[in-house]
Amino acid sequence: MFDPQTNDYLNFTGCGNTVNCNHPLVRDLIMDCLHYWVMEMHVDGFRFDLASVMGRDRQGKVLRNPPMVERIAEDPILANTKIIAEAWDVSGLYQVGSFSTNVGWAEWNGKFRDQVRAFACGEKDTIANLATRIAGSSDFYQQSL
């Protein structure tokens, strides 16, 4: 992604230039790679680090229904794979609990990891937070019955 006003590449990952995942050619490249890994390498799942970048347009604005996110979730070749999003990026987009409404996506719960680590390290006042995470992180993930 490129910002013509500042003449700089956009970086929403903290790892360098961010690729516009919603450009048709980039979407095709990503899908071709995922298909190859599933069909030829027999990979049974993917965890997308900083997955929220897949929900941005070419200027970096957040899309309501990002084509790349929907395409991955609805792809028949990927239907039996585990698809997990780390639902944030370093530019402040934090979508934990709301990354995608498509049932094909699961989310990595970094708060669970952090609370288990804090408890294991003996930090004070961690039991209530750990209990919230073990019980399903209802502060992020609301289920309707």
C-alpha atoms as a PDB file:
ATOM      1  CA  MET A   1       0.000   0.000   0.000  1.00  0.00           C
ATOM      2  CA  PHE A   2       1.253   3.453  -0.860  1.00  0.00           C
ATOM      3  CA  ASP A   3       0.259   6.885   0.423  1.00  0.00           C
ATOM      4  CA  PRO A   4       0.638   9.368  -2.459  1.00  0.00           C
ATOM      5  CA  GLN A   5       0.302  12.344  -0.087  1.00  0.00           C
ATOM      6  CA  THR A   6       3.357  11.427   1.970  1.00  0.00           C
ATOM      7  CA  ASN A   7       5.113   9.449  -0.781  1.00  0.00           C
ATOM      8  CA  ASP A   8       5.578   6.601   1.712  1.00  0.00           C
ATOM      9  CA  TYR A   9       4.580   2.984   1.829  1.00  0.00           C
ATOM     10  CA  LEU A  10       1.943   2.155   4.442  1.00  0.00           C
ATOM     11  CA  ASN A  11       2.897  -0.154   7.294  1.00  0.00           C
ATOM     12  CA  PHE A  12       0.057  -1.592   9.384  1.00  0.00           C
ATOM     13  CA  THR A  13       2.019  -4.662  10.489  1.00  0.00           C
ATOM     14  CA  GLY A  14       5.120  -3.178  12.086  1.00  0.00           C
ATOM     15  CA  CYS A  15       7.091  -5.535   9.823  1.00  0.00           C
ATOM     16  CA  GLY A  16       7.420  -3.331   6.760  1.00  0.00           C
ATOM     17  CA  ASN A  17       5.257  -2.425   3.803  1.00  0.00           C
ATOM     18  CA  THR A  18       1.698  -3.734   3.915  1.00  0.00           C
ATOM     19  CA  VAL A  19       0.358  -5.532   0.856  1.00  0.00           C
ATOM     20  CA  ASN A  20      -3.134  -4.672  -0.349  1.00  0.00           C
ATOM     21  CA  CYS A  21      -4.742  -8.083   0.248  1.00  0.00           C
ATOM     22  CA  ASN A  22      -7.969  -6.936  -1.370  1.00  0.00           C
ATOM     23  CA  HIS A  23      -6.489  -6.220  -4.796  1.00  0.00           C
ATOM     24  CA  PRO A  24      -7.807  -8.919  -7.169  1.00  0.00           C
ATOM     25  CA  LEU A  25      -4.321 -10.119  -8.187  1.00  0.00           C
ATOM     26  CA  VAL A  26      -3.135 -10.310  -4.587  1.00  0.00           C
ATOM     27  CA  ARG A  27      -6.298 -12.181  -3.573  1.00  0.00           C
ATOM     28  CA  ASP A  28      -5.646 -14.707  -6.339  1.00  0.00           C
ATOM     29  CA  LEU A  29      -2.015 -15.127  -5.248  1.00  0.00           C
ATOM     30  CA  ILE A  30      -3.018 -15.694  -1.625  1.00  0.00           C
ATOM     31  CA  MET A  31      -5.690 -18.209  -2.592  1.00  0.00           C
ATOM     32  CA  ASP A  32      -3.340 -20.049  -4.963  1.00  0.00           C
ATOM     33  CA  CYS A  33      -0.793 -20.362  -2.146  1.00  0.00           C
ATOM     34  CA  LEU A  34      -3.380 -21.572   0.379  1.00  0.00           C
ATOM     35  CA  HIS A  35      -4.731 -24.106  -2.120  1.00  0.00           C
ATOM     36  CA  TYR A  36      -1.235 -25.407  -2.832  1.00  0.00           C
ATOM     37  CA  TRP A  37      -0.438 -25.828   0.858  1.00  0.00           C
ATOM     38  CA  VAL A  38      -3.708 -27.676   1.488  1.00  0.00           C
ATOM     39  CA  MET A  39      -3.770 -29.884  -1.615  1.00  0.00           C
ATOM     40  CA  GLU A  40      -0.058 -30.595  -2.119  1.00  0.00           C
ATOM     41  CA  MET A  41       1.471 -30.152   1.330  1.00  0.00           C
ATOM     42  CA  HIS A  42      -1.581 -31.445   3.271  1.00  0.00           C
ATOM     43  CA  VAL A  43      -1.618 -28.493   5.651  1.00  0.00           C
ATOM     44  CA  ASP A  44      -4.747 -28.680   7.814  1.00  0.00           C
ATOM     45  CA  GLY A  45      -4.941 -25.128   9.071  1.00  0.00           C
ATOM     46  CA  PHE A  46      -3.594 -21.598   9.007  1.00  0.00           C
ATOM     47  CA  ARG A  47      -3.073 -18.897  11.611  1.00  0.00           C
ATOM     48  CA  PHE A  48      -2.972 -15.439  10.076  1.00  0.00           C
ATOM     49  CA  ASP A  49      -0.777 -13.122  12.125  1.00  0.00           C
ATOM     50  CA  LEU A  50      -1.962  -9.509  12.107  1.00  0.00           C
ATOM     51  CA  ALA A  51      -5.002 -10.670  10.134  1.00  0.00           C
ATOM     52  CA  SER A  52      -6.738  -7.312  10.436  1.00  0.00           C
ATOM     53  CA  VAL A  53      -4.576  -6.009   7.583  1.00  0.00           C
ATOM     54  CA  MET A  54      -6.663  -8.242   5.299  1.00  0.00           C
ATOM     55  CA  GLY A  55      -9.611  -6.005   6.101  1.00  0.00           C
ATOM     56  CA  ARG A  56      -8.088  -2.775   4.820  1.00  0.00           C
ATOM     57  CA  ASP A  57      -8.486  -1.119   1.423  1.00  0.00           C
ATOM     58  CA  ARG A  58      -5.627   0.331  -0.643  1.00  0.00           C
ATOM     59  CA  GLN A  59      -5.574   3.510   1.458  1.00  0.00           C
ATOM     60  CA  GLY A  60      -5.626   1.521   4.682  1.00  0.00           C
ATOM     61  CA  LYS A  61      -9.239   2.249   5.564  1.00  0.00           C
ATOM     62  CA  VAL A  62     -11.180  -0.575   7.201  1.00  0.00           C
ATOM     63  CA  LEU A  63     -13.595  -2.371   4.879  1.00  0.00           C
ATOM     64  CA  ARG A  64     -17.005  -3.463   6.130  1.00  0.00           C
ATOM     65  CA  ASN A  65     -16.952  -6.848   4.311  1.00  0.00           C
ATOM     66  CA  PRO A  66     -13.365  -7.431   3.184  1.00  0.00           C
ATOM     67  CA  PRO A  67     -13.300  -9.602   0.057  1.00  0.00           C
ATOM     68  CA  MET A  68     -10.160 -11.491   1.119  1.00  0.00           C
ATOM     69  CA  VAL A  69     -11.565 -12.458   4.518  1.00  0.00           C
ATOM     70  CA  GLU A  70     -14.837 -13.623   2.951  1.00  0.00           C
ATOM     71  CA  ARG A  71     -13.116 -15.472   0.129  1.00  0.00           C
ATOM     72  CA  ILE A  72     -10.927 -17.499   2.502  1.00  0.00           C
ATOM     73  CA  ALA A  73     -13.878 -18.423   4.713  1.00  0.00           C
ATOM     74  CA  GLU A  74     -16.123 -19.431   1.811  1.00  0.00           C
ATOM     75  CA  ASP A  75     -13.587 -21.334  -0.285  1.00  0.00           C
ATOM     76  CA  PRO A  76     -14.561 -25.000  -0.848  1.00  0.00           C
ATOM     77  CA  ILE A  77     -10.934 -26.226  -0.882  1.00  0.00           C
ATOM     78  CA  LEU A  78     -10.334 -24.600   2.498  1.00  0.00           C
ATOM     79  CA  ALA A  79     -13.671 -25.752   3.951  1.00  0.00           C
ATOM     80  CA  ASN A  80     -12.097 -28.462   6.112  1.00  0.00           C
ATOM     81  CA  THR A  81      -9.101 -26.450   7.269  1.00  0.00           C
ATOM     82  CA  LYS A  82      -8.756 -24.507  10.476  1.00  0.00           C
ATOM     83  CA  ILE A  83      -8.655 -20.772   9.778  1.00  0.00           C
ATOM     84  CA  ILE A  84      -7.535 -18.641  12.722  1.00  0.00           C
ATOM     85  CA  ALA A  85      -7.131 -14.861  12.740  1.00  0.00           C
ATOM     86  CA  GLU A  86      -4.921 -12.850  15.039  1.00  0.00           C
ATOM     87  CA  ALA A  87      -7.521 -10.090  14.887  1.00  0.00           C
ATOM     88  CA  TRP A  88      -5.477  -6.930  15.257  1.00  0.00           C
ATOM     89  CA  ASP A  89      -2.715  -4.946  13.608  1.00  0.00           C
ATOM     90  CA  VAL A  90      -0.115  -2.532  14.934  1.00  0.00           C
ATOM     91  CA  SER A  91      -1.942   0.568  13.715  1.00  0.00           C
ATOM     92  CA  GLY A  92      -4.616   0.190  16.370  1.00  0.00           C
ATOM     93  CA  LEU A  93      -7.203  -1.918  14.565  1.00  0.00           C
ATOM     94  CA  TYR A  94      -8.348  -4.353  17.272  1.00  0.00           C
ATOM     95  CA  GLN A  95     -11.071  -6.727  16.095  1.00  0.00           C
ATOM     96  CA  VAL A  96     -10.930  -9.454  18.745  1.00  0.00           C
ATOM     97  CA  GLY A  97     -14.474 -10.756  19.053  1.00  0.00           C
ATOM     98  CA  SER A  98     -15.570  -9.102  15.813  1.00  0.00           C
ATOM     99  CA  PHE A  99     -13.098 -10.091  13.078  1.00  0.00           C
ATOM    100  CA  SER A 100     -15.598 -11.851  10.839  1.00  0.00           C
ATOM    101  CA  THR A 101     -19.205 -12.929  11.069  1.00  0.00           C
ATOM    102  CA  ASN A 102     -18.399 -15.940   8.886  1.00  0.00           C
ATOM    103  CA  VAL A 103     -18.325 -19.181  10.875  1.00  0.00           C
ATOM    104  CA  GLY A 104     -15.263 -20.295   8.914  1.00  0.00           C
ATOM    105  CA  TRP A 105     -13.040 -17.986  10.949  1.00  0.00           C
ATOM    106  CA  ALA A 106     -11.825 -18.578  14.493  1.00  0.00           C
ATOM    107  CA  GLU A 107      -9.846 -16.003  16.453  1.00  0.00           C
ATOM    108  CA  TRP A 108      -6.610 -16.188  18.338  1.00  0.00           C
ATOM    109  CA  ASN A 109      -7.241 -14.928  21.854  1.00  0.00           C
ATOM    110  CA  GLY A 110      -4.055 -13.118  22.850  1.00  0.00           C
ATOM    111  CA  LYS A 111      -5.614 -12.135  26.173  1.00  0.00           C
ATOM    112  CA  PHE A 112      -5.875 -15.838  27.080  1.00  0.00           C
ATOM    113  CA  ARG A 113      -2.170 -16.305  26.350  1.00  0.00           C
ATOM    114  CA  ASP A 114      -1.260 -13.187  28.342  1.00  0.00           C
ATOM    115  CA  GLN A 115      -3.344 -14.180  31.375  1.00  0.00           C
ATOM    116  CA  VAL A 116      -2.006 -17.744  31.467  1.00  0.00           C
ATOM    117  CA  ARG A 117       1.530 -16.357  31.275  1.00  0.00           C
ATOM    118  CA  ALA A 118       0.885 -13.836  34.055  1.00  0.00           C
ATOM    119  CA  PHE A 119      -0.601 -16.520  36.296  1.00  0.00           C
ATOM    120  CA  ALA A 120       2.247 -18.963  35.579  1.00  0.00           C
ATOM    121  CA  CYS A 121       4.806 -16.262  36.360  1.00  0.00           C
ATOM    122  CA  GLY A 122       3.204 -15.633  39.741  1.00  0.00           C
ATOM    123  CA  GLU A 123       2.005 -12.104  39.068  1.00  0.00           C
ATOM    124  CA  LYS A 124      -0.429 -10.723  41.645  1.00  0.00           C
ATOM    125  CA  ASP A 125      -4.195 -10.442  41.136  1.00  0.00           C
ATOM    126  CA  THR A 126      -4.375 -12.757  38.128  1.00  0.00           C
ATOM    127  CA  ILE A 127      -6.962 -15.342  39.213  1.00  0.00           C
ATOM    128  CA  ALA A 128     -10.102 -13.409  38.206  1.00  0.00           C
ATOM    129  CA  ASN A 129      -8.693 -12.513  34.783  1.00  0.00           C
ATOM    130  CA  LEU A 130      -7.517 -16.074  34.219  1.00  0.00           C
ATOM    131  CA  ALA A 131     -10.965 -17.393  35.175  1.00  0.00           C
ATOM    132  CA  THR A 132     -12.564 -15.056  32.623  1.00  0.00           C
ATOM    133  CA  ARG A 133     -10.272 -16.402  29.901  1.00  0.00           C
ATOM    134  CA  ILE A 134     -10.777 -20.063  30.847  1.00  0.00           C
ATOM    135  CA  ALA A 135     -14.546 -19.511  30.892  1.00  0.00           C
ATOM    136  CA  GLY A 136     -14.472 -18.335  27.264  1.00  0.00           C
ATOM    137  CA  SER A 137     -13.636 -14.608  27.407  1.00  0.00           C
ATOM    138  CA  SER A 138     -17.233 -13.442  27.446  1.00  0.00           C
ATOM    139  CA  ASP A 139     -15.962  -9.854  27.459  1.00  0.00           C
ATOM    140  CA  PHE A 140     -14.893 -10.429  23.806  1.00  0.00           C
ATOM    141  CA  TYR A 141     -16.980 -13.319  22.543  1.00  0.00           C
ATOM    142  CA  GLN A 142     -20.729 -13.059  22.973  1.00  0.00           C
ATOM    143  CA  GLN A 143     -22.731 -16.064  21.861  1.00  0.00           C
ATOM    144  CA  SER A 144     -26.366 -15.825  20.964  1.00  0.00           C
ATOM    145  CA  LEU A 145     -28.530 -18.811  21.717  1.00  0.00           C
END
